[in-house]
Amino acid sequence: MTLIVHGVHAVDGGKEDEFDVLWRDEWIPAVGRGDDVRVLHFLRHAHGTGASYRVVTLTAVRDGEALGATMDRVDGGDLSELARA
């Protein structure tokens, strides 16, 4: 069963472009190293349509076990520094 993780990220307005580059060039390749996780969508809320400086992501995860393994990577593994950035 595939799980879809919906993320909403509040971004400092002056660092939107930096956040985009980090996700595109570092996070997406790092999180997708195996066959269990893939980022599906990355989009910004358009200004004036709701909360500003929000980025929405959708990530496909193979199953609960893969989700747990990914969270372990974020909590203290190879994704922890990127997650803090």
PDB file of N, CA and C in Angstrom:
ATOM      1  N   MET A   1       0.845  -1.175   0.000  1.00  0.00           N
ATOM      2  CA  MET A   1       0.000   0.000   0.000  1.00  0.00           C
ATOM      3  C   MET A   1       0.895   1.244   0.000  1.00  0.00           C
ATOM      4  N   THR A   2       0.610   2.165  -0.874  1.00  0.00           N
ATOM      5  CA  THR A   2       1.367   3.410  -0.926  1.00  0.00           C
ATOM      6  C   THR A   2       0.698   4.465  -0.065  1.00  0.00           C
ATOM      7  N   LEU A   3       1.491   5.158   0.738  1.00  0.00           N
ATOM      8  CA  LEU A   3       1.011   6.262   1.563  1.00  0.00           C
ATOM      9  C   LEU A   3       1.408   7.562   0.901  1.00  0.00           C
ATOM     10  N   ILE A   4       0.565   8.567   0.991  1.00  0.00           N
ATOM     11  CA  ILE A   4       0.885   9.895   0.489  1.00  0.00           C
ATOM     12  C   ILE A   4       1.014  10.821   1.691  1.00  0.00           C
ATOM     13  N   VAL A   5       2.194  11.405   1.850  1.00  0.00           N
ATOM     14  CA  VAL A   5       2.455  12.321   2.955  1.00  0.00           C
ATOM     15  C   VAL A   5       2.283  13.740   2.435  1.00  0.00           C
ATOM     16  N   HIS A   6       1.374  14.470   3.045  1.00  0.00           N
ATOM     17  CA  HIS A   6       1.080  15.858   2.678  1.00  0.00           C
ATOM     18  C   HIS A   6       1.819  16.756   3.652  1.00  0.00           C
ATOM     19  N   GLY A   7       2.766  17.537   3.152  1.00  0.00           N
ATOM     20  CA  GLY A   7       3.521  18.442   4.015  1.00  0.00           C
ATOM     21  C   GLY A   7       3.208  19.891   3.709  1.00  0.00           C
ATOM     22  N   VAL A   8       3.086  20.694   4.741  1.00  0.00           N
ATOM     23  CA  VAL A   8       2.927  22.141   4.589  1.00  0.00           C
ATOM     24  C   VAL A   8       4.083  22.780   5.343  1.00  0.00           C
ATOM     25  N   HIS A   9       4.890  23.539   4.642  1.00  0.00           N
ATOM     26  CA  HIS A   9       6.107  24.105   5.200  1.00  0.00           C
ATOM     27  C   HIS A   9       5.996  25.630   5.236  1.00  0.00           C
ATOM     28  N   ALA A  10       6.142  26.223   6.401  1.00  0.00           N
ATOM     29  CA  ALA A  10       6.183  27.682   6.535  1.00  0.00           C
ATOM     30  C   ALA A  10       7.619  28.112   6.238  1.00  0.00           C
ATOM     31  N   VAL A  11       7.764  29.040   5.304  1.00  0.00           N
ATOM     32  CA  VAL A  11       9.088  29.449   4.849  1.00  0.00           C
ATOM     33  C   VAL A  11       9.271  30.943   5.092  1.00  0.00           C
ATOM     34  N   ASP A  12      10.435  31.316   5.567  1.00  0.00           N
ATOM     35  CA  ASP A  12      10.791  32.731   5.709  1.00  0.00           C
ATOM     36  C   ASP A  12      10.700  33.369   4.322  1.00  0.00           C
ATOM     37  N   GLY A  13       9.942  34.439   4.198  1.00  0.00           N
ATOM     38  CA  GLY A  13       9.720  35.075   2.896  1.00  0.00           C
ATOM     39  C   GLY A  13      10.982  35.449   2.156  1.00  0.00           C
ATOM     40  N   GLY A  14      12.014  35.828   2.870  1.00  0.00           N
ATOM     41  CA  GLY A  14      13.262  36.201   2.229  1.00  0.00           C
ATOM     42  C   GLY A  14      14.107  35.019   1.800  1.00  0.00           C
ATOM     43  N   LYS A  15      13.656  33.816   2.170  1.00  0.00           N
ATOM     44  CA  LYS A  15      14.445  32.627   1.867  1.00  0.00           C
ATOM     45  C   LYS A  15      13.686  31.614   1.018  1.00  0.00           C
ATOM     46  N   GLU A  16      12.623  32.070   0.348  1.00  0.00           N
ATOM     47  CA  GLU A  16      11.843  31.155  -0.491  1.00  0.00           C
ATOM     48  C   GLU A  16      12.692  30.497  -1.573  1.00  0.00           C
ATOM     49  N   ASP A  17      13.478  31.293  -2.272  1.00  0.00           N
ATOM     50  CA  ASP A  17      14.290  30.736  -3.350  1.00  0.00           C
ATOM     51  C   ASP A  17      15.326  29.758  -2.811  1.00  0.00           C
ATOM     52  N   GLU A  18      15.914  30.075  -1.668  1.00  0.00           N
ATOM     53  CA  GLU A  18      16.894  29.186  -1.035  1.00  0.00           C
ATOM     54  C   GLU A  18      16.233  27.863  -0.643  1.00  0.00           C
ATOM     55  N   PHE A  19      15.015  27.936  -0.121  1.00  0.00           N
ATOM     56  CA  PHE A  19      14.279  26.727   0.246  1.00  0.00           C
ATOM     57  C   PHE A  19      13.999  25.874  -0.991  1.00  0.00           C
ATOM     58  N   ASP A  20      13.574  26.524  -2.083  1.00  0.00           N
ATOM     59  CA  ASP A  20      13.300  25.805  -3.328  1.00  0.00           C
ATOM     60  C   ASP A  20      14.536  25.058  -3.813  1.00  0.00           C
ATOM     61  N   VAL A  21      15.677  25.724  -3.812  1.00  0.00           N
ATOM     62  CA  VAL A  21      16.923  25.113  -4.280  1.00  0.00           C
ATOM     63  C   VAL A  21      17.318  23.943  -3.385  1.00  0.00           C
ATOM     64  N   LEU A  22      17.187  24.133  -2.071  1.00  0.00           N
ATOM     65  CA  LEU A  22      17.516  23.060  -1.134  1.00  0.00           C
ATOM     66  C   LEU A  22      16.661  21.823  -1.417  1.00  0.00           C
ATOM     67  N   TRP A  23      15.367  22.016  -1.593  1.00  0.00           N
ATOM     68  CA  TRP A  23      14.486  20.876  -1.869  1.00  0.00           C
ATOM     69  C   TRP A  23      14.816  20.223  -3.193  1.00  0.00           C
ATOM     70  N   ARG A  24      14.945  21.032  -4.234  1.00  0.00           N
ATOM     71  CA  ARG A  24      15.171  20.493  -5.581  1.00  0.00           C
ATOM     72  C   ARG A  24      16.521  19.788  -5.698  1.00  0.00           C
ATOM     73  N   ASP A  25      17.565  20.438  -5.216  1.00  0.00           N
ATOM     74  CA  ASP A  25      18.918  19.947  -5.457  1.00  0.00           C
ATOM     75  C   ASP A  25      19.450  19.005  -4.383  1.00  0.00           C
ATOM     76  N   GLU A  26      18.888  19.066  -3.168  1.00  0.00           N
ATOM     77  CA  GLU A  26      19.430  18.241  -2.085  1.00  0.00           C
ATOM     78  C   GLU A  26      18.407  17.273  -1.493  1.00  0.00           C
ATOM     79  N   TRP A  27      17.234  17.787  -1.077  1.00  0.00           N
ATOM     80  CA  TRP A  27      16.273  16.938  -0.390  1.00  0.00           C
ATOM     81  C   TRP A  27      15.709  15.846  -1.300  1.00  0.00           C
ATOM     82  N   ILE A  28      15.214  16.215  -2.467  1.00  0.00           N
ATOM     83  CA  ILE A  28      14.576  15.229  -3.353  1.00  0.00           C
ATOM     84  C   ILE A  28      15.536  14.093  -3.715  1.00  0.00           C
ATOM     85  N   PRO A  29      16.771  14.387  -4.142  1.00  0.00           N
ATOM     86  CA  PRO A  29      17.684  13.272  -4.429  1.00  0.00           C
ATOM     87  C   PRO A  29      18.029  12.447  -3.184  1.00  0.00           C
ATOM     88  N   ALA A  30      18.196  13.095  -2.043  1.00  0.00           N
ATOM     89  CA  ALA A  30      18.586  12.375  -0.824  1.00  0.00           C
ATOM     90  C   ALA A  30      17.466  11.466  -0.331  1.00  0.00           C
ATOM     91  N   VAL A  31      16.238  11.977  -0.287  1.00  0.00           N
ATOM     92  CA  VAL A  31      15.125  11.178   0.234  1.00  0.00           C
ATOM     93  C   VAL A  31      14.778  10.041  -0.727  1.00  0.00           C
ATOM     94  N   GLY A  32      15.058  10.207  -2.006  1.00  0.00           N
ATOM     95  CA  GLY A  32      14.717   9.196  -3.010  1.00  0.00           C
ATOM     96  C   GLY A  32      15.836   8.239  -3.351  1.00  0.00           C
ATOM     97  N   ARG A  33      16.846   8.116  -2.500  1.00  0.00           N
ATOM     98  CA  ARG A  33      17.981   7.225  -2.795  1.00  0.00           C
ATOM     99  C   ARG A  33      17.569   5.772  -2.964  1.00  0.00           C
ATOM    100  N   GLY A  34      16.597   5.330  -2.219  1.00  0.00           N
ATOM    101  CA  GLY A  34      16.125   3.953  -2.341  1.00  0.00           C
ATOM    102  C   GLY A  34      14.897   3.891  -3.232  1.00  0.00           C
ATOM    103  N   ASP A  35      14.189   2.788  -3.136  1.00  0.00           N
ATOM    104  CA  ASP A  35      12.979   2.595  -3.948  1.00  0.00           C
ATOM    105  C   ASP A  35      11.690   2.851  -3.169  1.00  0.00           C
ATOM    106  N   ASP A  36      11.817   3.285  -1.903  1.00  0.00           N
ATOM    107  CA  ASP A  36      10.648   3.368  -1.026  1.00  0.00           C
ATOM    108  C   ASP A  36       9.966   4.728  -0.967  1.00  0.00           C
ATOM    109  N   VAL A  37      10.659   5.804  -1.360  1.00  0.00           N
ATOM    110  CA  VAL A  37      10.139   7.163  -1.171  1.00  0.00           C
ATOM    111  C   VAL A  37      10.390   7.985  -2.429  1.00  0.00           C
ATOM    112  N   ARG A  38       9.382   8.747  -2.852  1.00  0.00           N
ATOM    113  CA  ARG A  38       9.522   9.666  -3.974  1.00  0.00           C
ATOM    114  C   ARG A  38       8.714  10.928  -3.696  1.00  0.00           C
ATOM    115  N   VAL A  39       9.316  12.072  -3.938  1.00  0.00           N
ATOM    116  CA  VAL A  39       8.586  13.342  -3.861  1.00  0.00           C
ATOM    117  C   VAL A  39       7.766  13.457  -5.138  1.00  0.00           C
ATOM    118  N   LEU A  40       6.469  13.681  -4.983  1.00  0.00           N
ATOM    119  CA  LEU A  40       5.561  13.761  -6.129  1.00  0.00           C
ATOM    120  C   LEU A  40       5.338  15.190  -6.597  1.00  0.00           C
ATOM    121  N   HIS A  41       5.092  16.098  -5.649  1.00  0.00           N
ATOM    122  CA  HIS A  41       4.768  17.482  -5.987  1.00  0.00           C
ATOM    123  C   HIS A  41       5.386  18.430  -4.985  1.00  0.00           C
ATOM    124  N   PHE A  42       5.716  19.608  -5.487  1.00  0.00           N
ATOM    125  CA  PHE A  42       6.253  20.705  -4.679  1.00  0.00           C
ATOM    126  C   PHE A  42       5.623  21.962  -5.251  1.00  0.00           C
ATOM    127  N   LEU A  43       4.872  22.688  -4.453  1.00  0.00           N
ATOM    128  CA  LEU A  43       4.265  23.910  -4.969  1.00  0.00           C
ATOM    129  C   LEU A  43       4.152  24.960  -3.880  1.00  0.00           C
ATOM    130  N   ARG A  44       4.187  26.183  -4.315  1.00  0.00           N
ATOM    131  CA  ARG A  44       4.012  27.324  -3.399  1.00  0.00           C
ATOM    132  C   ARG A  44       2.570  27.790  -3.447  1.00  0.00           C
ATOM    133  N   HIS A  45       2.074  28.228  -2.293  1.00  0.00           N
ATOM    134  CA  HIS A  45       0.782  28.925  -2.294  1.00  0.00           C
ATOM    135  C   HIS A  45       1.001  30.253  -3.001  1.00  0.00           C
ATOM    136  N   ALA A  46       0.110  30.598  -3.897  1.00  0.00           N
ATOM    137  CA  ALA A  46       0.197  31.907  -4.549  1.00  0.00           C
ATOM    138  C   ALA A  46      -0.167  32.982  -3.534  1.00  0.00           C
ATOM    139  N   HIS A  47       0.573  34.058  -3.530  1.00  0.00           N
ATOM    140  CA  HIS A  47       0.280  35.157  -2.604  1.00  0.00           C
ATOM    141  C   HIS A  47      -1.127  35.683  -2.868  1.00  0.00           C
ATOM    142  N   GLY A  48      -1.846  35.898  -1.793  1.00  0.00           N
ATOM    143  CA  GLY A  48      -3.208  36.399  -1.904  1.00  0.00           C
ATOM    144  C   GLY A  48      -4.256  35.298  -1.919  1.00  0.00           C
ATOM    145  N   THR A  49      -3.838  34.017  -1.918  1.00  0.00           N
ATOM    146  CA  THR A  49      -4.808  32.916  -1.962  1.00  0.00           C
ATOM    147  C   THR A  49      -4.961  32.223  -0.620  1.00  0.00           C
ATOM    148  N   GLY A  50      -4.297  32.729   0.380  1.00  0.00           N
ATOM    149  CA  GLY A  50      -4.326  32.102   1.701  1.00  0.00           C
ATOM    150  C   GLY A  50      -3.069  32.510   2.439  1.00  0.00           C
ATOM    151  N   ALA A  51      -2.609  31.628   3.265  1.00  0.00           N
ATOM    152  CA  ALA A  51      -1.391  31.911   4.033  1.00  0.00           C
ATOM    153  C   ALA A  51      -0.203  32.088   3.084  1.00  0.00           C
ATOM    154  N   SER A  52       0.521  33.173   3.266  1.00  0.00           N
ATOM    155  CA  SER A  52       1.688  33.429   2.424  1.00  0.00           C
ATOM    156  C   SER A  52       2.886  32.646   2.927  1.00  0.00           C
ATOM    157  N   TYR A  53       3.829  32.487   2.031  1.00  0.00           N
ATOM    158  CA  TYR A  53       5.096  31.818   2.349  1.00  0.00           C
ATOM    159  C   TYR A  53       4.869  30.403   2.875  1.00  0.00           C
ATOM    160  N   ARG A  54       4.039  29.681   2.159  1.00  0.00           N
ATOM    161  CA  ARG A  54       3.785  28.275   2.464  1.00  0.00           C
ATOM    162  C   ARG A  54       4.145  27.453   1.225  1.00  0.00           C
ATOM    163  N   VAL A  55       4.791  26.339   1.461  1.00  0.00           N
ATOM    164  CA  VAL A  55       5.106  25.389   0.399  1.00  0.00           C
ATOM    165  C   VAL A  55       4.405  24.087   0.744  1.00  0.00           C
ATOM    166  N   VAL A  56       3.745  23.497  -0.239  1.00  0.00           N
ATOM    167  CA  VAL A  56       3.041  22.240  -0.053  1.00  0.00           C
ATOM    168  C   VAL A  56       3.808  21.154  -0.801  1.00  0.00           C
ATOM    169  N   THR A  57       4.039  20.033  -0.116  1.00  0.00           N
ATOM    170  CA  THR A  57       4.708  18.912  -0.755  1.00  0.00           C
ATOM    171  C   THR A  57       3.853  17.663  -0.603  1.00  0.00           C
ATOM    172  N   LEU A  58       3.926  16.800  -1.606  1.00  0.00           N
ATOM    173  CA  LEU A  58       3.307  15.482  -1.549  1.00  0.00           C
ATOM    174  C   LEU A  58       4.415  14.469  -1.805  1.00  0.00           C
ATOM    175  N   THR A  59       4.527  13.509  -0.904  1.00  0.00           N
ATOM    176  CA  THR A  59       5.568  12.498  -1.006  1.00  0.00           C
ATOM    177  C   THR A  59       4.933  11.119  -0.918  1.00  0.00           C
ATOM    178  N   ALA A  60       5.276  10.248  -1.868  1.00  0.00           N
ATOM    179  CA  ALA A  60       4.785   8.871  -1.849  1.00  0.00           C
ATOM    180  C   ALA A  60       5.763   8.010  -1.071  1.00  0.00           C
ATOM    181  N   VAL A  61       5.222   7.207  -0.155  1.00  0.00           N
ATOM    182  CA  VAL A  61       6.017   6.294   0.660  1.00  0.00           C
ATOM    183  C   VAL A  61       5.408   4.900   0.499  1.00  0.00           C
ATOM    184  N   ARG A  62       6.253   3.910   0.274  1.00  0.00           N
ATOM    185  CA  ARG A  62       5.796   2.548  -0.028  1.00  0.00           C
ATOM    186  C   ARG A  62       4.808   2.009   1.000  1.00  0.00           C
ATOM    187  N   ASP A  63       5.123   2.144   2.298  1.00  0.00           N
ATOM    188  CA  ASP A  63       4.251   1.608   3.348  1.00  0.00           C
ATOM    189  C   ASP A  63       4.662   2.198   4.691  1.00  0.00           C
ATOM    190  N   GLY A  64       4.017   1.750   5.748  1.00  0.00           N
ATOM    191  CA  GLY A  64       4.314   2.266   7.084  1.00  0.00           C
ATOM    192  C   GLY A  64       5.741   2.007   7.522  1.00  0.00           C
ATOM    193  N   GLU A  65       6.280   0.862   7.162  1.00  0.00           N
ATOM    194  CA  GLU A  65       7.661   0.534   7.519  1.00  0.00           C
ATOM    195  C   GLU A  65       8.628   1.515   6.849  1.00  0.00           C
ATOM    196  N   ALA A  66       8.390   1.820   5.586  1.00  0.00           N
ATOM    197  CA  ALA A  66       9.243   2.773   4.873  1.00  0.00           C
ATOM    198  C   ALA A  66       9.092   4.170   5.458  1.00  0.00           C
ATOM    199  N   LEU A  67       7.874   4.531   5.879  1.00  0.00           N
ATOM    200  CA  LEU A  67       7.665   5.825   6.519  1.00  0.00           C
ATOM    201  C   LEU A  67       8.465   5.912   7.811  1.00  0.00           C
ATOM    202  N   GLY A  68       8.411   4.860   8.622  1.00  0.00           N
ATOM    203  CA  GLY A  68       9.182   4.826   9.863  1.00  0.00           C
ATOM    204  C   GLY A  68      10.671   4.935   9.614  1.00  0.00           C
ATOM    205  N   ALA A  69      11.162   4.236   8.598  1.00  0.00           N
ATOM    206  CA  ALA A  69      12.582   4.289   8.266  1.00  0.00           C
ATOM    207  C   ALA A  69      12.977   5.687   7.801  1.00  0.00           C
ATOM    208  N   THR A  70      12.094   6.328   7.051  1.00  0.00           N
ATOM    209  CA  THR A  70      12.376   7.695   6.586  1.00  0.00           C
ATOM    210  C   THR A  70      12.400   8.663   7.759  1.00  0.00           C
ATOM    211  N   MET A  71      11.456   8.514   8.685  1.00  0.00           N
ATOM    212  CA  MET A  71      11.440   9.378   9.864  1.00  0.00           C
ATOM    213  C   MET A  71      12.694   9.169  10.716  1.00  0.00           C
ATOM    214  N   ASP A  72      13.182   7.939  10.788  1.00  0.00           N
ATOM    215  CA  ASP A  72      14.441   7.687  11.494  1.00  0.00           C
ATOM    216  C   ASP A  72      15.594   8.410  10.809  1.00  0.00           C
ATOM    217  N   ARG A  73      15.580   8.432   9.476  1.00  0.00           N
ATOM    218  CA  ARG A  73      16.617   9.158   8.735  1.00  0.00           C
ATOM    219  C   ARG A  73      16.548  10.655   9.029  1.00  0.00           C
ATOM    220  N   VAL A  74      15.313  11.173   9.180  1.00  0.00           N
ATOM    221  CA  VAL A  74      15.134  12.603   9.475  1.00  0.00           C
ATOM    222  C   VAL A  74      15.533  12.895  10.922  1.00  0.00           C
ATOM    223  N   ASP A  75      15.167  12.024  11.833  1.00  0.00           N
ATOM    224  CA  ASP A  75      15.416  12.264  13.258  1.00  0.00           C
ATOM    225  C   ASP A  75      16.876  12.188  13.652  1.00  0.00           C
ATOM    226  N   GLY A  76      17.650  11.343  13.026  1.00  0.00           N
ATOM    227  CA  GLY A  76      19.043  11.233  13.442  1.00  0.00           C
ATOM    228  C   GLY A  76      19.959  10.633  12.412  1.00  0.00           C
ATOM    229  N   GLY A  77      19.457  10.444  11.217  1.00  0.00           N
ATOM    230  CA  GLY A  77      20.251   9.813  10.169  1.00  0.00           C
ATOM    231  C   GLY A  77      20.745  10.812   9.140  1.00  0.00           C
ATOM    232  N   ASP A  78      20.887  10.321   7.923  1.00  0.00           N
ATOM    233  CA  ASP A  78      21.478  11.134   6.860  1.00  0.00           C
ATOM    234  C   ASP A  78      20.627  12.323   6.421  1.00  0.00           C
ATOM    235  N   LEU A  79      19.348  12.344   6.760  1.00  0.00           N
ATOM    236  CA  LEU A  79      18.478  13.469   6.376  1.00  0.00           C
ATOM    237  C   LEU A  79      18.344  14.525   7.474  1.00  0.00           C
ATOM    238  N   SER A  80      18.937  14.290   8.641  1.00  0.00           N
ATOM    239  CA  SER A  80      18.714  15.194   9.776  1.00  0.00           C
ATOM    240  C   SER A  80      19.234  16.607   9.518  1.00  0.00           C
ATOM    241  N   GLU A  81      20.399  16.744   8.942  1.00  0.00           N
ATOM    242  CA  GLU A  81      20.931  18.095   8.677  1.00  0.00           C
ATOM    243  C   GLU A  81      20.121  18.832   7.626  1.00  0.00           C
ATOM    244  N   LEU A  82      19.706  18.115   6.578  1.00  0.00           N
ATOM    245  CA  LEU A  82      18.862  18.742   5.558  1.00  0.00           C
ATOM    246  C   LEU A  82      17.523  19.168   6.139  1.00  0.00           C
ATOM    247  N   ALA A  83      16.943  18.342   6.996  1.00  0.00           N
ATOM    248  CA  ALA A  83      15.648  18.681   7.607  1.00  0.00           C
ATOM    249  C   ALA A  83      15.774  19.948   8.460  1.00  0.00           C
ATOM    250  N   ARG A  84      16.871  20.083   9.173  1.00  0.00           N
ATOM    251  CA  ARG A  84      17.081  21.299   9.980  1.00  0.00           C
ATOM    252  C   ARG A  84      17.286  22.522   9.089  1.00  0.00           C
ATOM    253  N   ALA A  85      17.947  22.327   7.966  1.00  0.00           N
ATOM    254  CA  ALA A  85      18.206  23.463   7.055  1.00  0.00           C
ATOM    255  C   ALA A  85      16.899  23.987   6.511  1.00  0.00           C
TER     256      ALA A  85
END
